[in-house]
């Protein structure tokens, strides 16, 4: 019902020059989407729909997005940029002496275990023998006597198996290891996207659901730390003329291909136009001739190889609605 109402509202705002048959095609596309059971069966918190007389593209997103309908000669891409700003997918590696589990966190909030068939079932026994230096009947005096080299070898074999399944992925990996194995695994790790923070608990008795929930919490903090680090870099670069939080400066830099990283407020609503030189004209109210200014700047940054992130307002520096770092001084 909400989708149909939004579509009717948008069609009602189309200019009179749009033929009746085009309006009917748009509503027919939306009606077909409403009946698509496969589309609606996927877990999601929001839906982004892009429709024209020529067709429809729809996406189910994990982000909580505000209700928004726009009409114009181009699509507002902000919702999709937000959905790709940070991955909702990743991996959790649960590692103990007697168990190795690799968990995939999917973008639809589901998770599943990835099999590691090349690891022998008795791999943990090899480590136990090494820890006891072959004396299985003698109780260990303390952890200091455990041979670090053997733990590194154990973790190296685990990592080799993990990399065969995830190498080449762009998704982060969260480590959940017993206290004796975590430093050894980090020492041998070569996966560039291993997150600095671990679960901090022994995963031996944790279910897959618990591992997934804790893993997503770690990823949320990881992303927040990345944004905090960017804000710090932004402040440093702005002092040297290589960053700005002013829309008119950023628009000109984006048009000239000088924006390195752009962050903008996902809820930004200012509309207007930007000409071929990057000059901004802000509209008094939205119309079919205007478009989201932040979205247009983002499109120009992407076309020139820059990075774009759509974030919450609190993630931007100094209460700004848009901010960017430049490839050279403005």
Protein backbone atom coordinates (compact mmCIF):
# COMPACT_ATOMS: atom_id res chain seq x y z
CA UNK A 1 0.00 0.00 0.00
CA UNK A 2 2.80 2.44 0.86
CA UNK A 3 4.54 1.72 -2.44
CA UNK A 4 1.37 2.25 -4.45
CA UNK A 5 0.61 5.51 -2.63
CA UNK A 6 4.14 6.79 -3.22
CA UNK A 7 3.90 5.91 -6.91
CA UNK A 8 0.58 7.71 -7.27
CA UNK A 9 2.02 10.76 -5.54
CA UNK A 10 5.03 10.79 -7.86
CA UNK A 11 2.96 10.29 -11.00
CA UNK A 12 0.69 13.10 -9.88
CA UNK A 13 3.70 15.43 -9.82
CA UNK A 14 4.75 14.65 -13.37
CA UNK A 15 4.47 17.63 -15.73
CA UNK A 16 1.51 17.79 -18.10
CA UNK A 17 3.83 17.08 -21.03
CA UNK A 18 4.20 13.45 -19.93
CA UNK A 19 1.72 11.35 -21.99
CA UNK A 20 -1.05 9.42 -20.27
CA UNK A 21 0.28 6.12 -21.65
CA UNK A 22 3.66 6.74 -19.95
CA UNK A 23 1.90 7.35 -16.64
CA UNK A 24 -0.04 4.12 -17.10
CA UNK A 25 3.15 2.18 -17.85
CA UNK A 26 4.72 3.47 -14.63
CA UNK A 27 1.74 2.40 -12.52
CA UNK A 28 1.65 -0.98 -14.30
CA UNK A 29 5.33 -1.56 -13.46
CA UNK A 30 4.63 -0.77 -9.80
CA UNK A 31 1.59 -3.06 -9.75
CA UNK A 32 3.68 -5.91 -11.16
CA UNK A 33 6.28 -5.38 -8.44
CA UNK A 34 3.61 -5.57 -5.76
CA UNK A 35 2.67 -9.04 -7.04
CA UNK A 36 6.27 -10.30 -7.17
CA UNK A 37 6.36 -12.74 -4.25
CA UNK A 38 10.00 -13.58 -4.81
CA UNK A 39 11.00 -9.95 -4.38
CA UNK A 40 9.04 -9.44 -1.16
CA UNK A 41 10.21 -12.70 0.42
CA UNK A 42 13.74 -11.36 0.94
CA UNK A 43 14.36 -9.81 4.40
CA UNK A 44 14.81 -6.04 4.28
CA UNK A 45 14.14 -2.84 6.20
CA UNK A 46 13.61 -0.53 3.21
CA UNK A 47 12.86 -0.65 -0.49
CA UNK A 48 14.30 1.55 -3.25
CA UNK A 49 12.32 1.61 -6.49
CA UNK A 50 13.45 3.32 -9.70
CA UNK A 51 10.75 3.36 -12.35
CA UNK A 52 10.23 4.97 -15.73
CA UNK A 53 7.99 4.19 -18.71
CA UNK A 54 10.81 2.00 -20.00
CA UNK A 55 11.09 -0.30 -16.99
CA UNK A 56 11.60 -0.73 -13.26
CA UNK A 57 14.52 -1.63 -11.00
CA UNK A 58 13.87 -2.35 -7.34
CA UNK A 59 16.18 -3.13 -4.43
CA UNK A 60 15.49 -4.41 -0.93
CA UNK A 61 17.88 -2.78 1.53
CA UNK A 62 18.94 -3.45 5.11
CA UNK A 63 19.15 0.26 5.90
CA UNK A 64 16.31 2.11 7.62
CA UNK A 65 15.48 4.81 5.04
CA UNK A 66 12.99 7.66 5.31
CA UNK A 67 9.98 7.76 3.00
CA UNK A 68 10.86 9.70 -0.13
CA UNK A 69 9.41 10.08 -3.62
CA UNK A 70 11.00 12.23 -6.30
CA UNK A 71 10.29 13.10 -9.92
CA UNK A 72 12.82 14.30 -12.48
CA UNK A 73 14.97 13.56 -15.48
CA UNK A 74 17.33 11.37 -13.39
CA UNK A 75 17.07 9.01 -10.45
CA UNK A 76 18.03 9.97 -6.89
CA UNK A 77 20.71 7.42 -6.07
CA UNK A 78 21.27 8.33 -2.42
CA UNK A 79 19.49 5.26 -1.00
CA UNK A 80 21.63 2.89 -3.06
CA UNK A 81 24.83 4.71 -2.18
CA UNK A 82 23.96 4.35 1.50
CA UNK A 83 23.41 0.61 1.04
CA UNK A 84 26.88 0.22 -0.46
CA UNK A 85 28.73 2.62 1.86
CA UNK A 86 29.51 -0.19 4.28
CA UNK A 87 29.20 -3.88 3.63
CA UNK A 88 26.40 -5.71 5.40
CA UNK A 89 28.30 -8.88 4.58
CA UNK A 90 31.35 -10.33 6.22
CA UNK A 91 32.91 -13.37 7.85
CA UNK A 92 33.45 -14.58 11.40
CA UNK A 93 36.21 -17.09 12.12
CA UNK A 94 35.64 -19.01 15.36
CA UNK A 95 38.92 -20.63 16.34
CA UNK A 96 39.79 -22.86 19.28
CA UNK A 97 42.12 -25.79 19.75
CA UNK A 98 39.42 -28.32 18.97
CA UNK A 99 37.18 -26.44 16.57
CA UNK A 100 37.39 -24.22 13.49
CA UNK A 101 34.21 -22.63 12.14
CA UNK A 102 33.96 -20.07 9.34
CA UNK A 103 30.71 -18.15 9.27
CA UNK A 104 29.40 -16.01 6.40
CA UNK A 105 27.30 -12.98 7.33
CA UNK A 106 24.96 -12.18 4.45
CA UNK A 107 23.53 -8.80 3.47
CA UNK A 108 19.98 -10.02 4.16
CA UNK A 109 20.81 -10.56 7.86
CA UNK A 110 21.13 -14.32 7.41
CA UNK A 111 24.23 -16.38 8.08
CA UNK A 112 25.59 -19.80 7.24
CA UNK A 113 28.66 -21.88 7.98
CA UNK A 114 31.26 -22.32 5.25
CA UNK A 115 32.75 -25.78 5.15
CA UNK A 116 36.54 -26.17 5.40
CA UNK A 117 36.94 -29.72 4.06
CA UNK A 118 40.71 -29.57 3.69
CA UNK A 119 41.25 -29.31 7.46
CA UNK A 120 41.78 -32.71 9.12
CA UNK A 121 39.32 -33.57 11.88
CA UNK A 122 42.18 -34.29 14.29
CA UNK A 123 44.01 -31.01 13.64
CA UNK A 124 43.32 -29.90 17.21
CA UNK A 125 44.86 -33.10 18.56
CA UNK A 126 48.13 -32.23 16.87
CA UNK A 127 48.20 -28.95 18.78
CA UNK A 128 47.33 -30.65 22.05
CA UNK A 129 50.23 -33.05 21.64
CA UNK A 130 52.53 -30.16 20.81
CA UNK A 131 51.34 -28.21 23.84
CA UNK A 132 52.23 -31.15 26.05
CA UNK A 133 55.48 -31.79 24.20
CA UNK A 134 54.33 -35.38 23.72
CA UNK A 135 53.57 -35.97 27.41
CA UNK A 136 49.80 -36.45 27.24
CA UNK A 137 49.66 -37.82 30.78
CA UNK A 138 51.33 -34.82 32.38
CA UNK A 139 49.26 -31.81 33.34
CA UNK A 140 50.53 -28.55 31.93
CA UNK A 141 52.08 -26.30 34.57
CA UNK A 142 50.97 -23.04 32.92
CA UNK A 143 50.35 -21.45 29.54
CA UNK A 144 53.88 -20.10 29.29
CA UNK A 145 55.16 -23.60 28.47
CA UNK A 146 53.02 -23.91 25.34
CA UNK A 147 55.25 -23.70 22.27
CA UNK A 148 54.39 -20.58 20.33
CA UNK A 149 55.82 -21.99 17.13
CA UNK A 150 53.33 -24.86 17.16
CA UNK A 151 50.41 -22.50 17.70
CA UNK A 152 51.58 -20.37 14.79
CA UNK A 153 51.79 -23.48 12.62
CA UNK A 154 48.27 -24.48 13.66
CA UNK A 155 46.91 -21.03 12.85
CA UNK A 156 48.80 -20.93 9.58
CA UNK A 157 47.14 -24.17 8.46
CA UNK A 158 43.75 -22.79 9.46
CA UNK A 159 44.38 -19.56 7.61
CA UNK A 160 45.44 -21.40 4.45
CA UNK A 161 42.12 -23.23 4.48
CA UNK A 162 40.14 -20.04 5.18
CA UNK A 163 41.88 -18.13 2.39
CA UNK A 164 40.98 -20.83 -0.12
CA UNK A 165 37.34 -19.98 0.56
CA UNK A 166 37.38 -16.19 0.97
CA UNK A 167 40.52 -14.86 -0.74
CA UNK A 168 39.59 -12.17 -3.23
CA UNK A 169 36.54 -11.15 -1.23
CA UNK A 170 36.03 -7.49 -0.33
CA UNK A 171 34.27 -8.37 2.93
CA UNK A 172 35.78 -7.92 6.41
CA UNK A 173 36.73 -10.84 8.63
CA UNK A 174 36.09 -10.82 12.38
CA UNK A 175 38.19 -13.11 14.56
CA UNK A 176 36.67 -15.01 17.47
CA UNK A 177 39.52 -17.03 18.95
CA UNK A 178 40.48 -18.52 22.27
CA UNK A 179 42.95 -16.29 24.17
CA UNK A 180 45.94 -18.52 23.43
CA UNK A 181 45.30 -18.63 19.68
CA UNK A 182 44.27 -15.07 18.88
CA UNK A 183 47.79 -13.55 18.93
CA UNK A 184 49.14 -16.48 16.93
CA UNK A 185 46.50 -16.10 14.24
CA UNK A 186 47.02 -12.35 13.94
CA UNK A 187 50.76 -12.93 13.64
CA UNK A 188 50.38 -15.19 10.61
CA UNK A 189 47.39 -13.40 9.06
CA UNK A 190 47.69 -12.14 5.48
CA UNK A 191 44.02 -11.28 4.85
CA UNK A 192 43.97 -7.50 4.49
CA UNK A 193 40.43 -7.06 5.77
CA UNK A 194 40.90 -8.75 9.15
CA UNK A 195 39.22 -6.38 11.63
CA UNK A 196 41.38 -5.10 14.49
CA UNK A 197 38.72 -5.78 17.11
CA UNK A 198 37.87 -9.39 17.91
CA UNK A 199 34.87 -10.83 19.71
CA UNK A 200 36.93 -10.97 22.89
CA UNK A 201 35.37 -14.23 24.09
CA UNK A 202 36.15 -17.90 23.72
CA UNK A 203 33.80 -19.07 20.94
CA UNK A 204 33.82 -22.73 21.96
CA UNK A 205 30.27 -22.73 23.35
CA UNK A 206 28.77 -20.05 21.10
CA UNK A 207 26.08 -20.90 18.57
CA UNK A 208 26.22 -19.67 14.98
CA UNK A 209 23.45 -17.19 15.76
CA UNK A 210 25.41 -15.76 18.70
CA UNK A 211 28.58 -15.54 16.64
CA UNK A 212 26.71 -13.72 13.88
CA UNK A 213 25.11 -11.22 16.26
CA UNK A 214 28.38 -10.45 18.03
CA UNK A 215 30.21 -10.28 14.71
CA UNK A 216 27.80 -7.67 13.34
CA UNK A 217 28.27 -5.58 16.49
CA UNK A 218 32.02 -5.62 15.92
CA UNK A 219 31.53 -4.58 12.29
CA UNK A 220 29.31 -1.65 13.32
CA UNK A 221 32.06 -0.36 15.62
CA UNK A 222 34.63 -0.97 12.89
CA UNK A 223 32.69 1.21 10.46
CA UNK A 224 32.21 3.92 13.10
CA UNK A 225 35.96 3.97 13.71
CA UNK A 226 36.60 4.35 9.97
CA UNK A 227 34.33 7.41 9.85
CA UNK A 228 35.99 8.92 12.92
CA UNK A 229 39.40 8.49 11.28
CA UNK A 230 38.12 10.15 8.10
CA UNK A 231 36.79 13.14 10.05
CA UNK A 232 40.21 13.56 11.62
CA UNK A 233 41.89 13.48 8.20
CA UNK A 234 39.29 15.92 6.91
CA UNK A 235 40.20 18.46 9.59
CA UNK A 236 43.89 18.17 8.78
CA UNK A 237 43.37 18.48 5.03
CA UNK A 238 40.94 21.38 5.32
CA UNK A 239 43.64 23.37 7.09
CA UNK A 240 45.75 22.94 3.93
CA UNK A 241 43.00 23.77 1.43
CA UNK A 242 42.43 20.13 0.47
CA UNK A 243 38.95 19.67 1.96
CA UNK A 244 35.66 21.54 2.27
CA UNK A 245 32.20 21.29 3.79
CA UNK A 246 30.67 23.90 1.45
CA UNK A 247 28.39 22.64 -1.30
CA UNK A 248 29.39 25.21 -3.94
CA UNK A 249 33.10 24.45 -3.48
CA UNK A 250 32.56 20.71 -3.54
CA UNK A 251 30.35 20.89 -6.65
CA UNK A 252 33.05 22.73 -8.59
CA UNK A 253 35.72 20.31 -7.41
CA UNK A 254 33.54 17.32 -8.34
CA UNK A 255 32.92 18.74 -11.80
CA UNK A 256 36.66 19.18 -12.27
CA UNK A 257 37.36 15.62 -11.10
CA UNK A 258 39.21 16.80 -8.00
CA UNK A 259 37.16 15.09 -5.26
CA UNK A 260 38.90 12.14 -3.65
CA UNK A 261 36.32 11.17 -1.00
CA UNK A 262 32.80 12.58 -0.62
CA UNK A 263 30.51 12.09 2.36
CA UNK A 264 26.96 13.41 2.32
CA UNK A 265 23.94 13.28 4.59
CA UNK A 266 21.58 10.55 3.47
CA UNK A 267 18.62 12.69 4.55
CA UNK A 268 19.75 15.73 2.53
CA UNK A 269 16.75 17.18 0.69
CA UNK A 270 18.07 20.30 -1.02
CA UNK A 271 17.20 20.30 -4.70
CA UNK A 272 18.26 22.48 -7.58
CA UNK A 273 20.58 22.25 -10.56
CA UNK A 274 24.33 22.16 -11.17
CA UNK A 275 25.64 23.33 -14.53
CA UNK A 276 28.56 22.00 -16.55
CA UNK A 277 30.99 24.27 -14.66
CA UNK A 278 29.83 23.17 -11.22
CA UNK A 279 27.78 26.29 -10.47
CA UNK A 280 24.96 25.46 -8.05
CA UNK A 281 21.46 26.90 -8.20
CA UNK A 282 19.31 25.97 -5.20
CA UNK A 283 15.58 25.63 -5.91
CA UNK A 284 12.93 27.08 -3.63
CA UNK A 285 10.99 23.82 -3.89
CA UNK A 286 11.39 20.48 -5.71
CA UNK A 287 10.04 20.12 -9.24
CA UNK A 288 10.40 17.89 -12.26
CA UNK A 289 13.22 20.17 -13.46
CA UNK A 290 15.28 19.89 -10.25
CA UNK A 291 17.13 17.04 -8.57
CA UNK A 292 18.91 16.23 -5.35
CA UNK A 293 22.05 18.35 -5.27
CA UNK A 294 23.99 15.90 -3.11
CA UNK A 295 23.03 13.05 -5.44
CA UNK A 296 24.24 14.98 -8.48
CA UNK A 297 27.55 15.83 -6.81
CA UNK A 298 27.92 12.16 -5.85
CA UNK A 299 27.32 11.07 -9.44
CA UNK A 300 30.03 13.43 -10.70
CA UNK A 301 32.48 12.17 -8.08
CA UNK A 302 31.81 8.55 -9.04
CA UNK A 303 32.24 9.31 -12.75
CA UNK A 304 35.72 10.70 -12.05
CA UNK A 305 36.89 7.79 -9.90
CA UNK A 306 36.23 9.24 -6.45
CA UNK A 307 34.77 7.48 -3.42
CA UNK A 308 31.28 8.33 -2.18
CA UNK A 309 29.68 7.46 1.15
CA UNK A 310 26.12 8.34 2.17
CA UNK A 311 26.05 8.62 5.97
CA UNK A 312 23.93 9.87 8.87
CA UNK A 313 24.21 13.56 9.73
CA UNK A 314 26.08 12.81 12.94
CA UNK A 315 28.85 11.13 10.97
CA UNK A 316 29.74 14.36 9.15
CA UNK A 317 32.17 16.95 10.54
CA UNK A 318 30.96 20.14 12.23
CA UNK A 319 27.26 19.53 11.60
CA UNK A 320 27.73 19.78 7.83
CA UNK A 321 25.39 18.15 5.32
CA UNK A 322 28.18 17.39 2.86
CA UNK A 323 31.98 17.19 3.09
CA UNK A 324 34.81 16.18 0.80
CA UNK A 325 38.55 15.80 0.61
CA UNK A 326 40.30 16.88 -2.59
CA UNK A 327 43.09 15.43 -4.68
CA UNK A 328 44.83 18.81 -4.78
CA UNK A 329 44.35 22.17 -3.03
CA UNK A 330 41.16 23.95 -4.11
